[in-house]
Each structure stands twice: as C-alpha cells, then as structure tokens.
Amino acid sequence: MARRRPAAVVMIALVVILEALGMLAAAGFYLFGLVTSTPASLGGAVFMLVLLLLLATWLLVVGHFLWRGYRWTRSAILTWQLFMLVIAVPTLSGGYLLYGYCLLIPPLAALVLLFRREVVAYTSRTAQPPAAL
C-alpha cells in the first residue's frame, strides 16, 4: 500500500532542492571567478569551491531522501535551515534587504512545515503497519 505524500513534504523538499541548486549556481560563479582572476590563496579558494559542491550535493541527497520519507532528513534539514537563518539575519541588518529576505523566507517556511504532524508521521513511517518477517 503506497503512502500519500503530504503537501508539506513536497514544499520542504522543494525548498531544500532549490537551496541546493542555488548553491550549485554559487559554486559555478565562484569557479568562474577562480578561473578568470588570481585568488589570494589558491588552496583556500579550491577548498571553498569543494565545500560549496559538497554542501550542494548533500542538500540534493537530503531532499531526495525526504521525498522518500526517511526520518534522518528532518534533523539534517533543521540544522541547515538554522544555518541559513544565521546567515540571513546579518545580511538583513547589513542593509541587503532583497538578499536577506531571499535567505530568510524559505528557511522559515521549511522550519514551520518541518514540525507539522503529517510531516512527522510521513517521515516516521507511522502511517504503515509494521512489516511482517
């Protein structure tokens, strides 16, 4: 029997995947800047590029497994959204309102939806009877 995926799970997965795609775009711009100019520290620049790519890949993995209903994705999403809020608040207070709101609204939406009853039930697999051996 297939479980019905709640709309809140779809929205959270969409937010996480869009954040991953945004990070991939940032990594692309970073790579372009790395190729077209001389960085102050080549090792640091390459490390930052690899870090951006790894984080984007991790977010894609988390979004995929949330879509499939795995429990561990909730903690990964919670942690990432809190990091996004930590970045959004100084961005807003620094006067970059458009960027700040773009960094603030999706994590807030994901955090609110993450604790909805249907999301917890879907990722806890409580909607299915226990599997027989």
N, C-alpha and C. Protein backbone atom coordinates (compact mmCIF):
# COMPACT_ATOMS: atom_id res chain seq x y z
N MET A 1 0.84 -1.17 0.00
CA MET A 1 0.00 0.00 0.00
C MET A 1 0.89 1.24 0.00
N ALA A 2 0.71 2.12 -0.94
CA ALA A 2 1.53 3.32 -1.07
C ALA A 2 1.00 4.41 -0.14
N ARG A 3 1.94 5.10 0.49
CA ARG A 3 1.56 6.22 1.35
C ARG A 3 1.40 7.47 0.51
N ARG A 4 0.46 8.30 0.91
CA ARG A 4 0.27 9.57 0.23
C ARG A 4 1.26 10.57 0.81
N ARG A 5 1.99 11.24 -0.07
CA ARG A 5 3.00 12.22 0.35
C ARG A 5 2.29 13.54 0.69
N PRO A 6 2.46 14.06 1.91
CA PRO A 6 1.82 15.32 2.29
C PRO A 6 2.38 16.50 1.48
N ALA A 7 1.55 17.50 1.30
CA ALA A 7 1.96 18.69 0.56
C ALA A 7 3.10 19.41 1.27
N ALA A 8 3.13 19.34 2.60
CA ALA A 8 4.20 19.99 3.35
C ALA A 8 5.55 19.34 3.04
N VAL A 9 5.58 18.03 2.85
CA VAL A 9 6.82 17.35 2.49
C VAL A 9 7.28 17.80 1.11
N VAL A 10 6.34 17.96 0.20
CA VAL A 10 6.68 18.43 -1.14
C VAL A 10 7.28 19.83 -1.07
N MET A 11 6.69 20.70 -0.25
CA MET A 11 7.19 22.07 -0.14
C MET A 11 8.58 22.11 0.50
N ILE A 12 8.79 21.32 1.54
CA ILE A 12 10.10 21.29 2.19
C ILE A 12 11.16 20.76 1.23
N ALA A 13 10.83 19.67 0.54
CA ALA A 13 11.78 19.10 -0.43
C ALA A 13 12.09 20.12 -1.52
N LEU A 14 11.09 20.86 -1.96
CA LEU A 14 11.30 21.88 -2.98
C LEU A 14 12.23 22.98 -2.47
N VAL A 15 12.03 23.42 -1.23
CA VAL A 15 12.91 24.45 -0.65
C VAL A 15 14.34 23.95 -0.57
N VAL A 16 14.53 22.72 -0.09
CA VAL A 16 15.88 22.18 0.07
C VAL A 16 16.56 22.01 -1.29
N ILE A 17 15.82 21.52 -2.27
CA ILE A 17 16.42 21.31 -3.60
C ILE A 17 16.72 22.65 -4.27
N LEU A 18 15.86 23.63 -4.08
CA LEU A 18 16.15 24.96 -4.64
C LEU A 18 17.36 25.60 -3.95
N GLU A 19 17.51 25.37 -2.66
CA GLU A 19 18.72 25.85 -1.98
C GLU A 19 19.96 25.16 -2.53
N ALA A 20 19.85 23.87 -2.80
CA ALA A 20 20.99 23.14 -3.37
C ALA A 20 21.33 23.66 -4.76
N LEU A 21 20.32 23.93 -5.57
CA LEU A 21 20.57 24.46 -6.91
C LEU A 21 21.18 25.86 -6.83
N GLY A 22 20.72 26.66 -5.87
CA GLY A 22 21.31 27.98 -5.66
C GLY A 22 22.77 27.87 -5.25
N MET A 23 23.08 26.88 -4.42
CA MET A 23 24.46 26.69 -4.01
C MET A 23 25.31 26.20 -5.18
N LEU A 24 24.75 25.36 -6.04
CA LEU A 24 25.48 24.94 -7.24
C LEU A 24 25.75 26.13 -8.16
N ALA A 25 24.77 27.03 -8.27
CA ALA A 25 24.97 28.23 -9.07
C ALA A 25 26.07 29.11 -8.46
N ALA A 26 26.06 29.23 -7.13
CA ALA A 26 27.11 30.00 -6.46
C ALA A 26 28.47 29.36 -6.69
N ALA A 27 28.52 28.03 -6.68
CA ALA A 27 29.79 27.34 -6.94
C ALA A 27 30.25 27.59 -8.37
N GLY A 28 29.31 27.65 -9.31
CA GLY A 28 29.66 27.95 -10.69
C GLY A 28 30.23 29.36 -10.83
N PHE A 29 29.60 30.34 -10.19
CA PHE A 29 30.13 31.70 -10.22
C PHE A 29 31.48 31.78 -9.54
N TYR A 30 31.63 31.04 -8.46
CA TYR A 30 32.90 31.02 -7.74
C TYR A 30 34.00 30.41 -8.61
N LEU A 31 33.66 29.34 -9.32
CA LEU A 31 34.62 28.71 -10.22
C LEU A 31 35.00 29.66 -11.36
N PHE A 32 34.02 30.38 -11.89
CA PHE A 32 34.29 31.35 -12.94
C PHE A 32 35.25 32.43 -12.43
N GLY A 33 35.00 32.93 -11.23
CA GLY A 33 35.90 33.93 -10.64
C GLY A 33 37.28 33.37 -10.36
N LEU A 34 37.32 32.09 -9.99
CA LEU A 34 38.61 31.44 -9.72
C LEU A 34 39.43 31.29 -11.00
N VAL A 35 38.75 31.01 -12.10
CA VAL A 35 39.45 30.81 -13.37
C VAL A 35 39.87 32.13 -13.99
N THR A 36 39.06 33.17 -13.82
CA THR A 36 39.33 34.45 -14.51
C THR A 36 40.19 35.42 -13.70
N SER A 37 40.41 35.13 -12.42
CA SER A 37 41.25 36.04 -11.63
C SER A 37 42.17 35.22 -10.73
N THR A 38 43.15 35.89 -10.17
CA THR A 38 44.11 35.21 -9.30
C THR A 38 43.65 35.35 -7.85
N PRO A 39 43.39 34.22 -7.18
CA PRO A 39 42.97 34.31 -5.78
C PRO A 39 44.14 34.63 -4.87
N ALA A 40 43.84 35.17 -3.70
CA ALA A 40 44.89 35.47 -2.72
C ALA A 40 45.51 34.16 -2.20
N SER A 41 44.68 33.14 -2.08
CA SER A 41 45.15 31.83 -1.62
C SER A 41 44.51 30.77 -2.50
N LEU A 42 45.27 30.13 -3.34
CA LEU A 42 44.73 29.12 -4.23
C LEU A 42 44.16 27.94 -3.45
N GLY A 43 44.88 27.50 -2.42
CA GLY A 43 44.40 26.39 -1.62
C GLY A 43 43.07 26.70 -0.94
N GLY A 44 42.95 27.89 -0.38
CA GLY A 44 41.71 28.30 0.26
C GLY A 44 40.57 28.42 -0.72
N ALA A 45 40.85 28.92 -1.92
CA ALA A 45 39.82 29.07 -2.93
C ALA A 45 39.33 27.70 -3.42
N VAL A 46 40.24 26.77 -3.63
CA VAL A 46 39.85 25.43 -4.06
C VAL A 46 39.07 24.73 -2.95
N PHE A 47 39.51 24.91 -1.70
CA PHE A 47 38.77 24.33 -0.57
C PHE A 47 37.34 24.87 -0.52
N MET A 48 37.17 26.17 -0.72
CA MET A 48 35.85 26.77 -0.69
C MET A 48 34.97 26.24 -1.81
N LEU A 49 35.55 26.07 -2.99
CA LEU A 49 34.80 25.52 -4.11
C LEU A 49 34.36 24.09 -3.82
N VAL A 50 35.26 23.28 -3.31
CA VAL A 50 34.92 21.89 -2.97
C VAL A 50 33.85 21.86 -1.88
N LEU A 51 33.95 22.74 -0.90
CA LEU A 51 32.96 22.80 0.17
C LEU A 51 31.58 23.17 -0.38
N LEU A 52 31.52 24.14 -1.27
CA LEU A 52 30.24 24.52 -1.89
C LEU A 52 29.64 23.35 -2.65
N LEU A 53 30.46 22.63 -3.40
CA LEU A 53 29.96 21.49 -4.17
C LEU A 53 29.50 20.35 -3.27
N LEU A 54 30.24 20.10 -2.20
CA LEU A 54 29.83 19.04 -1.27
C LEU A 54 28.53 19.38 -0.55
N LEU A 55 28.40 20.62 -0.12
CA LEU A 55 27.17 21.03 0.56
C LEU A 55 25.96 20.97 -0.38
N ALA A 56 26.15 21.39 -1.62
CA ALA A 56 25.05 21.33 -2.59
C ALA A 56 24.65 19.88 -2.85
N THR A 57 25.64 19.01 -2.98
CA THR A 57 25.34 17.59 -3.19
C THR A 57 24.62 17.01 -1.99
N TRP A 58 25.08 17.37 -0.80
CA TRP A 58 24.44 16.88 0.42
C TRP A 58 22.98 17.34 0.49
N LEU A 59 22.72 18.59 0.13
CA LEU A 59 21.34 19.08 0.15
C LEU A 59 20.47 18.34 -0.87
N LEU A 60 21.02 18.02 -2.03
CA LEU A 60 20.26 17.24 -3.00
C LEU A 60 19.94 15.85 -2.46
N VAL A 61 20.89 15.24 -1.79
CA VAL A 61 20.67 13.92 -1.18
C VAL A 61 19.60 14.01 -0.10
N VAL A 62 19.67 15.02 0.75
CA VAL A 62 18.69 15.18 1.81
C VAL A 62 17.30 15.41 1.23
N GLY A 63 17.19 16.24 0.22
CA GLY A 63 15.90 16.48 -0.42
C GLY A 63 15.32 15.21 -1.03
N HIS A 64 16.17 14.42 -1.65
CA HIS A 64 15.72 13.16 -2.25
C HIS A 64 15.20 12.19 -1.19
N PHE A 65 15.95 12.04 -0.10
CA PHE A 65 15.54 11.09 0.92
C PHE A 65 14.38 11.60 1.76
N LEU A 66 14.20 12.91 1.86
CA LEU A 66 12.98 13.43 2.48
C LEU A 66 11.79 13.06 1.61
N TRP A 67 11.93 13.20 0.32
CA TRP A 67 10.87 12.85 -0.62
C TRP A 67 10.46 11.38 -0.43
N ARG A 68 11.44 10.54 -0.13
CA ARG A 68 11.16 9.12 0.08
C ARG A 68 10.68 8.80 1.49
N GLY A 69 10.76 9.78 2.41
CA GLY A 69 10.19 9.62 3.73
C GLY A 69 11.12 9.14 4.81
N TYR A 70 12.41 9.38 4.68
CA TYR A 70 13.36 8.94 5.69
C TYR A 70 13.38 9.89 6.88
N ARG A 71 13.47 9.33 8.07
CA ARG A 71 13.39 10.09 9.31
C ARG A 71 14.60 11.00 9.52
N TRP A 72 15.79 10.56 9.21
CA TRP A 72 17.00 11.33 9.50
C TRP A 72 17.06 12.65 8.73
N THR A 73 16.27 12.78 7.69
CA THR A 73 16.31 14.02 6.90
C THR A 73 15.79 15.22 7.68
N ARG A 74 14.89 14.98 8.64
CA ARG A 74 14.35 16.11 9.41
C ARG A 74 15.46 16.82 10.19
N SER A 75 16.36 16.07 10.81
CA SER A 75 17.43 16.72 11.57
C SER A 75 18.42 17.43 10.65
N ALA A 76 18.70 16.84 9.50
CA ALA A 76 19.60 17.49 8.54
C ALA A 76 18.99 18.78 8.02
N ILE A 77 17.71 18.76 7.73
CA ILE A 77 17.03 19.96 7.23
C ILE A 77 16.95 21.02 8.32
N LEU A 78 16.64 20.62 9.55
CA LEU A 78 16.59 21.57 10.65
C LEU A 78 17.93 22.27 10.84
N THR A 79 19.00 21.50 10.84
CA THR A 79 20.33 22.08 11.01
C THR A 79 20.67 23.05 9.90
N TRP A 80 20.41 22.67 8.65
CA TRP A 80 20.73 23.53 7.52
C TRP A 80 19.91 24.82 7.55
N GLN A 81 18.62 24.71 7.88
CA GLN A 81 17.77 25.90 7.90
C GLN A 81 18.20 26.85 9.01
N LEU A 82 18.66 26.32 10.13
CA LEU A 82 19.18 27.20 11.19
C LEU A 82 20.45 27.93 10.73
N PHE A 83 21.31 27.23 9.99
CA PHE A 83 22.48 27.89 9.42
C PHE A 83 22.06 29.00 8.44
N MET A 84 21.03 28.73 7.67
CA MET A 84 20.55 29.74 6.73
C MET A 84 20.03 30.97 7.47
N LEU A 85 19.36 30.76 8.59
CA LEU A 85 18.88 31.89 9.39
C LEU A 85 20.03 32.69 9.98
N VAL A 86 21.08 31.98 10.38
CA VAL A 86 22.27 32.66 10.92
C VAL A 86 22.91 33.54 9.86
N ILE A 87 22.82 33.16 8.61
CA ILE A 87 23.36 33.97 7.52
C ILE A 87 22.39 35.09 7.13
N ALA A 88 21.09 34.82 7.21
CA ALA A 88 20.08 35.78 6.76
C ALA A 88 19.99 37.00 7.66
N VAL A 89 20.08 36.81 8.96
CA VAL A 89 19.89 37.93 9.89
C VAL A 89 20.97 39.00 9.71
N PRO A 90 22.27 38.66 9.68
CA PRO A 90 23.26 39.71 9.44
C PRO A 90 23.16 40.32 8.05
N THR A 91 22.71 39.53 7.09
CA THR A 91 22.52 40.08 5.74
C THR A 91 21.45 41.15 5.76
N LEU A 92 20.35 40.88 6.47
CA LEU A 92 19.29 41.88 6.59
C LEU A 92 19.77 43.10 7.36
N SER A 93 20.46 42.88 8.46
CA SER A 93 20.91 44.02 9.27
C SER A 93 22.02 44.80 8.58
N GLY A 94 22.68 44.19 7.61
CA GLY A 94 23.70 44.89 6.83
C GLY A 94 23.12 45.75 5.72
N GLY A 95 21.81 45.71 5.55
CA GLY A 95 21.16 46.57 4.57
C GLY A 95 20.88 45.91 3.23
N TYR A 96 21.21 44.65 3.09
CA TYR A 96 20.94 43.93 1.84
C TYR A 96 19.58 43.24 1.97
N LEU A 97 18.52 44.02 1.85
CA LEU A 97 17.19 43.52 2.16
C LEU A 97 16.73 42.42 1.20
N LEU A 98 16.95 42.59 -0.09
CA LEU A 98 16.49 41.58 -1.05
C LEU A 98 17.19 40.25 -0.80
N TYR A 99 18.49 40.28 -0.66
CA TYR A 99 19.24 39.04 -0.39
C TYR A 99 18.87 38.46 0.98
N GLY A 100 18.69 39.34 1.95
CA GLY A 100 18.32 38.88 3.28
C GLY A 100 16.99 38.18 3.32
N TYR A 101 16.00 38.75 2.63
CA TYR A 101 14.68 38.10 2.60
C TYR A 101 14.71 36.81 1.80
N CYS A 102 15.53 36.77 0.76
CA CYS A 102 15.68 35.52 -0.01
C CYS A 102 16.33 34.43 0.84
N LEU A 103 17.17 34.82 1.78
CA LEU A 103 17.80 33.86 2.68
C LEU A 103 16.95 33.57 3.92
N LEU A 104 15.97 34.41 4.20
CA LEU A 104 15.18 34.27 5.42
C LEU A 104 13.86 33.53 5.20
N ILE A 105 13.14 33.85 4.15
CA ILE A 105 11.78 33.32 3.98
C ILE A 105 11.75 31.81 3.72
N PRO A 106 12.56 31.26 2.80
CA PRO A 106 12.50 29.80 2.60
C PRO A 106 12.84 28.98 3.84
N PRO A 107 13.89 29.33 4.61
CA PRO A 107 14.14 28.54 5.82
C PRO A 107 13.03 28.64 6.85
N LEU A 108 12.43 29.83 6.99
CA LEU A 108 11.32 29.95 7.93
C LEU A 108 10.15 29.07 7.52
N ALA A 109 9.85 29.06 6.23
CA ALA A 109 8.76 28.21 5.73
C ALA A 109 9.09 26.74 5.95
N ALA A 110 10.31 26.35 5.67
CA ALA A 110 10.71 24.95 5.87
C ALA A 110 10.65 24.56 7.34
N LEU A 111 11.08 25.46 8.22
CA LEU A 111 11.06 25.15 9.65
C LEU A 111 9.63 25.02 10.18
N VAL A 112 8.74 25.88 9.72
CA VAL A 112 7.34 25.79 10.16
C VAL A 112 6.73 24.48 9.66
N LEU A 113 6.98 24.15 8.40
CA LEU A 113 6.39 22.93 7.84
C LEU A 113 7.03 21.66 8.39
N LEU A 114 8.27 21.74 8.79
CA LEU A 114 9.01 20.56 9.25
C LEU A 114 8.39 19.92 10.49
N PHE A 115 7.72 20.72 11.30
CA PHE A 115 7.16 20.20 12.55
C PHE A 115 5.66 19.95 12.47
N ARG A 116 5.12 19.96 11.28
CA ARG A 116 3.71 19.63 11.13
C ARG A 116 3.50 18.15 11.37
N ARG A 117 2.35 17.82 11.89
CA ARG A 117 2.06 16.43 12.26
C ARG A 117 2.17 15.48 11.08
N GLU A 118 1.68 15.88 9.92
CA GLU A 118 1.72 14.96 8.77
C GLU A 118 3.14 14.72 8.26
N VAL A 119 4.03 15.73 8.42
CA VAL A 119 5.43 15.55 8.02
C VAL A 119 6.12 14.57 8.97
N VAL A 120 5.89 14.74 10.26
CA VAL A 120 6.48 13.84 11.23
C VAL A 120 5.96 12.42 11.03
N ALA A 121 4.66 12.28 10.79
CA ALA A 121 4.09 10.95 10.57
C ALA A 121 4.64 10.33 9.29
N TYR A 122 4.77 11.13 8.24
CA TYR A 122 5.26 10.60 6.96
C TYR A 122 6.71 10.14 7.07
N THR A 123 7.52 10.91 7.79
CA THR A 123 8.93 10.54 7.90
C THR A 123 9.19 9.53 9.01
N SER A 124 8.23 9.33 9.90
CA SER A 124 8.39 8.34 10.95
C SER A 124 7.82 6.99 10.53
N ARG A 125 7.20 6.95 9.39
CA ARG A 125 6.59 5.73 8.86
C ARG A 125 5.56 5.16 9.83
N THR A 126 4.81 6.05 10.48
CA THR A 126 3.76 5.59 11.41
C THR A 126 2.46 5.33 10.67
N ALA A 127 2.38 5.73 9.41
CA ALA A 127 1.16 5.54 8.66
C ALA A 127 1.02 4.11 8.14
N GLN A 128 2.10 3.33 8.18
CA GLN A 128 2.05 1.96 7.69
C GLN A 128 2.05 0.98 8.83
N PRO A 129 1.41 -0.17 8.63
CA PRO A 129 1.51 -1.22 9.64
C PRO A 129 2.94 -1.79 9.66
N PRO A 130 3.36 -2.36 10.78
CA PRO A 130 4.70 -2.92 10.83
C PRO A 130 4.88 -4.04 9.81
N ALA A 131 6.07 -4.13 9.27
CA ALA A 131 6.35 -5.15 8.26
C ALA A 131 6.44 -6.53 8.90
N ALA A 132 5.92 -7.50 8.21
CA ALA A 132 6.00 -8.89 8.69
C ALA A 132 7.31 -9.51 8.25
N LEU A 133 7.83 -10.40 9.05
CA LEU A 133 9.08 -11.07 8.69
C LEU A 133 8.86 -12.15 7.73
